[in-house]
Amino acid sequence: MIDNDTNSRTETAGAEGADGSNRSPRQRAIEAYESTRDRVGDSLGEAPLIALAGGLAAGALIAALLPRTRTETQAVRPTARRVKESAREAARAARETGTQRLEELGLSRDKAEETIRSLFQGVSDAARASGEAALDAARNKR
């Protein structure tokens, strides 16, 4: 039992039966709290990153469920606008740089289309020649 005056734990000898049925609901709640606290403390010590991830997930879920206030919207809007503009600028820069680099290597959209057409034409010619050879072989066997 916890002594409220000294905040120390004292045991009451013989005050409870073998199944603990003589303990008060308050005492059982205190013991359940202490047991849970000890287990959570042990778990956090063993896997702090999992606990952190769980806390972040719980916070994100709570934040998603709560409606946004007008103040939050006004505070977040400028930052969201800057982030969106930065992302657009980064995508544009990446696209331009990639296109420029491909052109330096002699690769362009027109050249790629020409290469693909040539490849399909070659595959088509090979398939046609194989089919004709198979047909000729079948005719000569008769």
N, C-alpha and C. Protein backbone atom coordinates (compact mmCIF):
# COMPACT_ATOMS: atom_id res chain seq x y z
N MET A 1 0.84 -1.18 0.00
CA MET A 1 0.00 0.00 0.00
C MET A 1 0.88 1.24 0.00
N ILE A 2 0.43 2.34 -0.60
CA ILE A 2 1.22 3.57 -0.65
C ILE A 2 0.76 4.49 0.46
N ASP A 3 1.70 4.94 1.22
CA ASP A 3 1.43 5.88 2.30
C ASP A 3 1.48 7.28 1.69
N ASN A 4 0.36 7.97 1.67
CA ASN A 4 0.29 9.29 1.04
C ASN A 4 1.16 10.33 1.73
N ASP A 5 1.41 10.17 3.04
CA ASP A 5 2.21 11.16 3.75
C ASP A 5 3.68 11.07 3.38
N THR A 6 4.21 9.85 3.21
CA THR A 6 5.64 9.71 2.97
C THR A 6 5.94 9.27 1.54
N ASN A 7 4.90 9.02 0.73
CA ASN A 7 5.06 8.52 -0.63
C ASN A 7 5.94 7.29 -0.69
N SER A 8 5.91 6.49 0.38
CA SER A 8 6.67 5.24 0.38
C SER A 8 5.70 4.08 0.38
N ARG A 9 6.18 2.95 -0.08
CA ARG A 9 5.34 1.79 -0.20
C ARG A 9 5.50 0.93 1.05
N THR A 10 4.38 0.57 1.66
CA THR A 10 4.43 -0.33 2.81
C THR A 10 3.57 -1.53 2.50
N GLU A 11 4.01 -2.69 2.93
CA GLU A 11 3.28 -3.92 2.69
C GLU A 11 2.41 -4.20 3.90
N THR A 12 1.23 -4.69 3.65
CA THR A 12 0.34 -5.09 4.73
C THR A 12 0.38 -6.60 4.80
N ALA A 13 1.01 -7.11 5.82
CA ALA A 13 1.18 -8.55 5.95
C ALA A 13 -0.13 -9.20 6.31
N GLY A 14 -0.49 -10.21 5.55
CA GLY A 14 -1.68 -10.99 5.85
C GLY A 14 -2.98 -10.29 5.56
N ALA A 15 -2.99 -9.15 4.91
CA ALA A 15 -4.21 -8.41 4.66
C ALA A 15 -4.94 -8.89 3.43
N GLU A 16 -4.31 -9.75 2.64
CA GLU A 16 -4.98 -10.21 1.43
C GLU A 16 -4.94 -11.71 1.37
N GLY A 17 -5.93 -12.27 0.68
CA GLY A 17 -5.97 -13.71 0.51
C GLY A 17 -5.03 -14.14 -0.59
N ALA A 18 -5.03 -15.43 -0.89
CA ALA A 18 -4.12 -15.97 -1.90
C ALA A 18 -4.41 -15.39 -3.27
N ASP A 19 -5.67 -15.06 -3.56
CA ASP A 19 -6.02 -14.51 -4.87
C ASP A 19 -6.05 -12.99 -4.87
N GLY A 20 -5.72 -12.36 -3.78
CA GLY A 20 -5.68 -10.91 -3.70
C GLY A 20 -7.05 -10.28 -3.57
N SER A 21 -8.04 -11.06 -3.18
CA SER A 21 -9.41 -10.55 -3.14
C SER A 21 -9.66 -9.58 -2.00
N ASN A 22 -8.80 -9.56 -0.99
CA ASN A 22 -9.00 -8.65 0.13
C ASN A 22 -8.42 -7.27 -0.13
N ARG A 23 -7.77 -7.08 -1.26
CA ARG A 23 -7.20 -5.77 -1.57
C ARG A 23 -8.32 -4.83 -2.01
N SER A 24 -8.13 -3.57 -1.72
CA SER A 24 -9.14 -2.58 -2.11
C SER A 24 -9.03 -2.30 -3.60
N PRO A 25 -10.08 -1.81 -4.22
CA PRO A 25 -10.00 -1.45 -5.65
C PRO A 25 -8.91 -0.42 -5.90
N ARG A 26 -8.74 0.48 -4.94
CA ARG A 26 -7.69 1.49 -5.07
C ARG A 26 -6.31 0.83 -5.13
N GLN A 27 -6.08 -0.14 -4.24
CA GLN A 27 -4.79 -0.82 -4.19
C GLN A 27 -4.57 -1.61 -5.48
N ARG A 28 -5.61 -2.29 -5.98
CA ARG A 28 -5.47 -3.05 -7.23
C ARG A 28 -5.16 -2.10 -8.39
N ALA A 29 -5.78 -0.92 -8.43
CA ALA A 29 -5.52 0.05 -9.49
C ALA A 29 -4.08 0.57 -9.41
N ILE A 30 -3.61 0.82 -8.21
CA ILE A 30 -2.23 1.29 -8.03
C ILE A 30 -1.25 0.24 -8.51
N GLU A 31 -1.50 -1.00 -8.15
CA GLU A 31 -0.60 -2.08 -8.56
C GLU A 31 -0.65 -2.28 -10.08
N ALA A 32 -1.83 -2.18 -10.68
CA ALA A 32 -1.95 -2.33 -12.13
C ALA A 32 -1.20 -1.19 -12.83
N TYR A 33 -1.33 0.02 -12.30
CA TYR A 33 -0.62 1.17 -12.87
C TYR A 33 0.89 0.96 -12.80
N GLU A 34 1.37 0.53 -11.62
CA GLU A 34 2.80 0.32 -11.45
C GLU A 34 3.32 -0.78 -12.37
N SER A 35 2.56 -1.85 -12.50
CA SER A 35 2.96 -2.96 -13.37
C SER A 35 3.03 -2.50 -14.83
N THR A 36 2.02 -1.75 -15.26
CA THR A 36 2.01 -1.25 -16.63
C THR A 36 3.15 -0.27 -16.86
N ARG A 37 3.40 0.60 -15.90
CA ARG A 37 4.49 1.57 -16.00
C ARG A 37 5.82 0.86 -16.14
N ASP A 38 6.02 -0.19 -15.36
CA ASP A 38 7.27 -0.95 -15.44
C ASP A 38 7.42 -1.63 -16.79
N ARG A 39 6.34 -2.23 -17.29
CA ARG A 39 6.41 -2.91 -18.60
C ARG A 39 6.68 -1.91 -19.71
N VAL A 40 6.01 -0.76 -19.69
CA VAL A 40 6.24 0.26 -20.72
C VAL A 40 7.65 0.79 -20.63
N GLY A 41 8.13 1.02 -19.43
CA GLY A 41 9.50 1.48 -19.25
C GLY A 41 10.50 0.50 -19.81
N ASP A 42 10.28 -0.79 -19.56
CA ASP A 42 11.17 -1.82 -20.10
C ASP A 42 11.10 -1.83 -21.63
N SER A 43 9.91 -1.73 -22.18
CA SER A 43 9.75 -1.74 -23.65
C SER A 43 10.44 -0.54 -24.28
N LEU A 44 10.29 0.62 -23.67
CA LEU A 44 10.92 1.83 -24.22
C LEU A 44 12.44 1.71 -24.17
N GLY A 45 12.95 1.09 -23.13
CA GLY A 45 14.39 0.90 -23.01
C GLY A 45 14.93 -0.06 -24.05
N GLU A 46 14.13 -1.05 -24.43
CA GLU A 46 14.56 -2.05 -25.40
C GLU A 46 14.43 -1.57 -26.84
N ALA A 47 13.41 -0.79 -27.13
CA ALA A 47 13.16 -0.38 -28.51
C ALA A 47 12.69 1.07 -28.57
N PRO A 48 13.58 2.03 -28.33
CA PRO A 48 13.15 3.43 -28.29
C PRO A 48 12.69 3.95 -29.65
N LEU A 49 13.27 3.46 -30.74
CA LEU A 49 12.85 3.94 -32.06
C LEU A 49 11.43 3.49 -32.40
N ILE A 50 11.08 2.29 -31.98
CA ILE A 50 9.71 1.81 -32.21
C ILE A 50 8.73 2.65 -31.41
N ALA A 51 9.10 2.97 -30.18
CA ALA A 51 8.24 3.81 -29.35
C ALA A 51 8.10 5.20 -29.97
N LEU A 52 9.19 5.74 -30.50
CA LEU A 52 9.14 7.04 -31.14
C LEU A 52 8.24 7.00 -32.37
N ALA A 53 8.39 5.96 -33.19
CA ALA A 53 7.56 5.83 -34.38
C ALA A 53 6.09 5.70 -34.00
N GLY A 54 5.81 4.94 -32.96
CA GLY A 54 4.42 4.80 -32.49
C GLY A 54 3.86 6.13 -32.02
N GLY A 55 4.66 6.88 -31.30
CA GLY A 55 4.22 8.20 -30.83
C GLY A 55 3.96 9.16 -31.98
N LEU A 56 4.85 9.13 -32.98
CA LEU A 56 4.64 9.99 -34.16
C LEU A 56 3.38 9.59 -34.91
N ALA A 57 3.17 8.29 -35.06
CA ALA A 57 1.97 7.81 -35.76
C ALA A 57 0.70 8.22 -35.00
N ALA A 58 0.73 8.07 -33.69
CA ALA A 58 -0.44 8.46 -32.89
C ALA A 58 -0.68 9.97 -33.00
N GLY A 59 0.38 10.76 -32.96
CA GLY A 59 0.23 12.21 -33.10
C GLY A 59 -0.31 12.61 -34.46
N ALA A 60 0.19 11.94 -35.51
CA ALA A 60 -0.30 12.24 -36.85
C ALA A 60 -1.77 11.88 -36.98
N LEU A 61 -2.17 10.76 -36.40
CA LEU A 61 -3.57 10.34 -36.45
C LEU A 61 -4.46 11.35 -35.73
N ILE A 62 -4.03 11.76 -34.56
CA ILE A 62 -4.82 12.75 -33.80
C ILE A 62 -4.90 14.06 -34.57
N ALA A 63 -3.78 14.50 -35.15
CA ALA A 63 -3.78 15.75 -35.91
C ALA A 63 -4.68 15.65 -37.13
N ALA A 64 -4.72 14.48 -37.76
CA ALA A 64 -5.56 14.31 -38.95
C ALA A 64 -7.04 14.32 -38.58
N LEU A 65 -7.36 13.85 -37.39
CA LEU A 65 -8.76 13.78 -36.98
C LEU A 65 -9.30 15.11 -36.47
N LEU A 66 -8.43 15.96 -35.97
CA LEU A 66 -8.89 17.24 -35.45
C LEU A 66 -9.06 18.25 -36.59
N PRO A 67 -10.13 19.03 -36.57
CA PRO A 67 -10.30 20.02 -37.63
C PRO A 67 -9.26 21.14 -37.52
N ARG A 68 -8.87 21.67 -38.67
CA ARG A 68 -7.89 22.76 -38.69
C ARG A 68 -8.60 24.06 -38.31
N THR A 69 -7.97 24.83 -37.46
CA THR A 69 -8.55 26.10 -37.05
C THR A 69 -8.15 27.19 -38.05
N ARG A 70 -8.86 28.29 -37.99
CA ARG A 70 -8.57 29.41 -38.88
C ARG A 70 -7.15 29.93 -38.64
N THR A 71 -6.74 29.96 -37.38
CA THR A 71 -5.39 30.42 -37.04
C THR A 71 -4.34 29.51 -37.64
N GLU A 72 -4.57 28.19 -37.55
CA GLU A 72 -3.62 27.24 -38.14
C GLU A 72 -3.54 27.44 -39.65
N THR A 73 -4.69 27.61 -40.28
CA THR A 73 -4.70 27.80 -41.73
C THR A 73 -3.91 29.05 -42.11
N GLN A 74 -4.13 30.14 -41.38
CA GLN A 74 -3.41 31.37 -41.68
C GLN A 74 -1.92 31.23 -41.42
N ALA A 75 -1.55 30.46 -40.41
CA ALA A 75 -0.14 30.28 -40.08
C ALA A 75 0.56 29.35 -41.06
N VAL A 76 -0.15 28.33 -41.54
CA VAL A 76 0.46 27.31 -42.40
C VAL A 76 0.45 27.71 -43.87
N ARG A 77 -0.52 28.51 -44.29
CA ARG A 77 -0.67 28.84 -45.71
C ARG A 77 0.60 29.40 -46.35
N PRO A 78 1.28 30.38 -45.76
CA PRO A 78 2.50 30.89 -46.40
C PRO A 78 3.59 29.82 -46.54
N THR A 79 3.74 28.99 -45.52
CA THR A 79 4.76 27.94 -45.59
C THR A 79 4.38 26.92 -46.65
N ALA A 80 3.13 26.52 -46.69
CA ALA A 80 2.68 25.56 -47.70
C ALA A 80 2.88 26.11 -49.11
N ARG A 81 2.61 27.39 -49.27
CA ARG A 81 2.80 28.03 -50.58
C ARG A 81 4.28 28.01 -50.98
N ARG A 82 5.16 28.32 -50.04
CA ARG A 82 6.60 28.31 -50.33
C ARG A 82 7.09 26.90 -50.65
N VAL A 83 6.61 25.92 -49.92
CA VAL A 83 7.03 24.53 -50.17
C VAL A 83 6.56 24.09 -51.55
N LYS A 84 5.33 24.43 -51.90
CA LYS A 84 4.79 24.05 -53.21
C LYS A 84 5.57 24.73 -54.33
N GLU A 85 5.86 26.00 -54.17
CA GLU A 85 6.64 26.72 -55.19
C GLU A 85 8.05 26.15 -55.31
N SER A 86 8.66 25.81 -54.18
CA SER A 86 10.01 25.22 -54.20
C SER A 86 9.99 23.88 -54.92
N ALA A 87 8.97 23.07 -54.67
CA ALA A 87 8.87 21.77 -55.32
C ALA A 87 8.69 21.93 -56.83
N ARG A 88 7.86 22.87 -57.23
CA ARG A 88 7.68 23.12 -58.67
C ARG A 88 8.98 23.57 -59.32
N GLU A 89 9.69 24.45 -58.65
CA GLU A 89 10.96 24.95 -59.19
C GLU A 89 11.98 23.82 -59.28
N ALA A 90 12.03 22.97 -58.28
CA ALA A 90 12.97 21.84 -58.29
C ALA A 90 12.64 20.88 -59.43
N ALA A 91 11.36 20.60 -59.63
CA ALA A 91 10.96 19.70 -60.73
C ALA A 91 11.31 20.31 -62.07
N ARG A 92 11.06 21.61 -62.23
CA ARG A 92 11.38 22.28 -63.50
C ARG A 92 12.89 22.24 -63.75
N ALA A 93 13.67 22.52 -62.72
CA ALA A 93 15.13 22.52 -62.87
C ALA A 93 15.64 21.12 -63.22
N ALA A 94 15.08 20.10 -62.59
CA ALA A 94 15.49 18.72 -62.88
C ALA A 94 15.13 18.35 -64.31
N ARG A 95 13.95 18.73 -64.75
CA ARG A 95 13.52 18.43 -66.13
C ARG A 95 14.43 19.13 -67.13
N GLU A 96 14.72 20.41 -66.91
CA GLU A 96 15.58 21.15 -67.83
C GLU A 96 17.00 20.58 -67.85
N THR A 97 17.54 20.26 -66.69
CA THR A 97 18.89 19.71 -66.61
C THR A 97 18.96 18.35 -67.30
N GLY A 98 17.96 17.51 -67.05
CA GLY A 98 17.92 16.19 -67.69
C GLY A 98 17.82 16.30 -69.20
N THR A 99 16.96 17.18 -69.69
CA THR A 99 16.82 17.38 -71.13
C THR A 99 18.12 17.89 -71.72
N GLN A 100 18.75 18.85 -71.07
CA GLN A 100 20.01 19.41 -71.55
C GLN A 100 21.10 18.32 -71.59
N ARG A 101 21.17 17.52 -70.57
CA ARG A 101 22.19 16.46 -70.53
C ARG A 101 21.96 15.42 -71.63
N LEU A 102 20.71 15.05 -71.87
CA LEU A 102 20.41 14.10 -72.94
C LEU A 102 20.77 14.67 -74.31
N GLU A 103 20.51 15.96 -74.48
CA GLU A 103 20.87 16.60 -75.74
C GLU A 103 22.38 16.63 -75.92
N GLU A 104 23.14 16.85 -74.84
CA GLU A 104 24.60 16.83 -74.91
C GLU A 104 25.11 15.45 -75.32
N LEU A 105 24.40 14.42 -74.92
CA LEU A 105 24.78 13.06 -75.28
C LEU A 105 24.29 12.67 -76.68
N GLY A 106 23.57 13.57 -77.31
CA GLY A 106 23.05 13.29 -78.65
C GLY A 106 21.73 12.55 -78.63
N LEU A 107 21.09 12.52 -77.48
CA LEU A 107 19.80 11.86 -77.37
C LEU A 107 18.71 12.92 -77.31
N SER A 108 17.76 12.79 -78.22
CA SER A 108 16.64 13.71 -78.22
C SER A 108 15.37 12.90 -78.42
N ARG A 109 14.27 13.55 -78.29
CA ARG A 109 12.98 12.88 -78.48
C ARG A 109 12.87 12.33 -79.90
N ASP A 110 13.26 13.15 -80.89
CA ASP A 110 13.18 12.71 -82.28
C ASP A 110 14.09 11.51 -82.52
N LYS A 111 15.29 11.58 -81.98
CA LYS A 111 16.23 10.47 -82.16
C LYS A 111 15.72 9.21 -81.47
N ALA A 112 15.13 9.36 -80.29
CA ALA A 112 14.57 8.21 -79.57
C ALA A 112 13.43 7.58 -80.36
N GLU A 113 12.53 8.42 -80.91
CA GLU A 113 11.43 7.90 -81.72
C GLU A 113 11.95 7.18 -82.95
N GLU A 114 12.97 7.74 -83.58
CA GLU A 114 13.58 7.11 -84.75
C GLU A 114 14.20 5.76 -84.39
N THR A 115 14.87 5.71 -83.26
CA THR A 115 15.48 4.46 -82.81
C THR A 115 14.42 3.41 -82.51
N ILE A 116 13.36 3.80 -81.88
CA ILE A 116 12.28 2.86 -81.56
C ILE A 116 11.63 2.35 -82.85
N ARG A 117 11.36 3.26 -83.80
CA ARG A 117 10.79 2.83 -85.09
C ARG A 117 11.71 1.83 -85.78
N SER A 118 13.00 2.13 -85.79
CA SER A 118 13.98 1.25 -86.41
C SER A 118 14.01 -0.11 -85.72
N LEU A 119 13.94 -0.10 -84.41
CA LEU A 119 13.92 -1.34 -83.65
C LEU A 119 12.69 -2.18 -83.99
N PHE A 120 11.52 -1.55 -83.99
CA PHE A 120 10.29 -2.27 -84.34
C PHE A 120 10.34 -2.80 -85.77
N GLN A 121 10.89 -2.00 -86.66
CA GLN A 121 11.01 -2.43 -88.05
C GLN A 121 11.92 -3.66 -88.14
N GLY A 122 13.04 -3.63 -87.41
CA GLY A 122 13.96 -4.77 -87.40
C GLY A 122 13.31 -6.01 -86.82
N VAL A 123 12.57 -5.87 -85.74
CA VAL A 123 11.88 -7.00 -85.12
C VAL A 123 10.82 -7.54 -86.09
N SER A 124 10.10 -6.63 -86.72
CA SER A 124 9.07 -7.04 -87.69
C SER A 124 9.70 -7.79 -88.86
N ASP A 125 10.81 -7.28 -89.39
CA ASP A 125 11.50 -7.95 -90.50
C ASP A 125 12.00 -9.33 -90.07
N ALA A 126 12.56 -9.43 -88.86
CA ALA A 126 13.06 -10.71 -88.36
C ALA A 126 11.92 -11.71 -88.20
N ALA A 127 10.79 -11.25 -87.69
CA ALA A 127 9.64 -12.14 -87.52
C ALA A 127 9.11 -12.61 -88.87
N ARG A 128 9.04 -11.71 -89.82
CA ARG A 128 8.57 -12.06 -91.16
C ARG A 128 9.52 -13.08 -91.80
N ALA A 129 10.84 -12.84 -91.70
CA ALA A 129 11.83 -13.76 -92.28
C ALA A 129 11.75 -15.13 -91.60
N SER A 130 11.57 -15.14 -90.28
CA SER A 130 11.46 -16.42 -89.57
C SER A 130 10.21 -17.18 -90.00
N GLY A 131 9.13 -16.47 -90.14
CA GLY A 131 7.88 -17.10 -90.58
C GLY A 131 8.00 -17.68 -91.98
N GLU A 132 8.61 -16.92 -92.87
CA GLU A 132 8.80 -17.40 -94.25
C GLU A 132 9.72 -18.62 -94.27
N ALA A 133 10.79 -18.59 -93.45
CA ALA A 133 11.71 -19.73 -93.40
C ALA A 133 11.00 -20.96 -92.87
N ALA A 134 10.17 -20.79 -91.84
CA ALA A 134 9.43 -21.92 -91.29
C ALA A 134 8.45 -22.47 -92.32
N LEU A 135 7.79 -21.59 -93.07
CA LEU A 135 6.84 -22.01 -94.10
C LEU A 135 7.56 -22.76 -95.22
N ASP A 136 8.71 -22.25 -95.65
CA ASP A 136 9.48 -22.91 -96.70
C ASP A 136 9.96 -24.29 -96.23
N ALA A 137 10.39 -24.37 -94.97
CA ALA A 137 10.86 -25.65 -94.45
C ALA A 137 9.71 -26.66 -94.41
N ALA A 138 8.54 -26.20 -94.03
CA ALA A 138 7.38 -27.10 -93.99
C ALA A 138 6.98 -27.53 -95.39
N ARG A 139 7.06 -26.69 -96.39
CA ARG A 139 6.68 -27.03 -97.75
C ARG A 139 7.70 -28.02 -98.35
N ASN A 140 8.97 -27.81 -98.07
CA ASN A 140 10.01 -28.68 -98.64
C ASN A 140 9.99 -30.07 -98.01
N LYS A 141 9.43 -30.21 -96.84
CA LYS A 141 9.40 -31.49 -96.15
C LYS A 141 8.36 -32.40 -96.78
N ARG A 142 7.36 -31.89 -97.44
CA ARG A 142 6.29 -32.69 -98.01
C ARG A 142 6.76 -33.36 -99.20
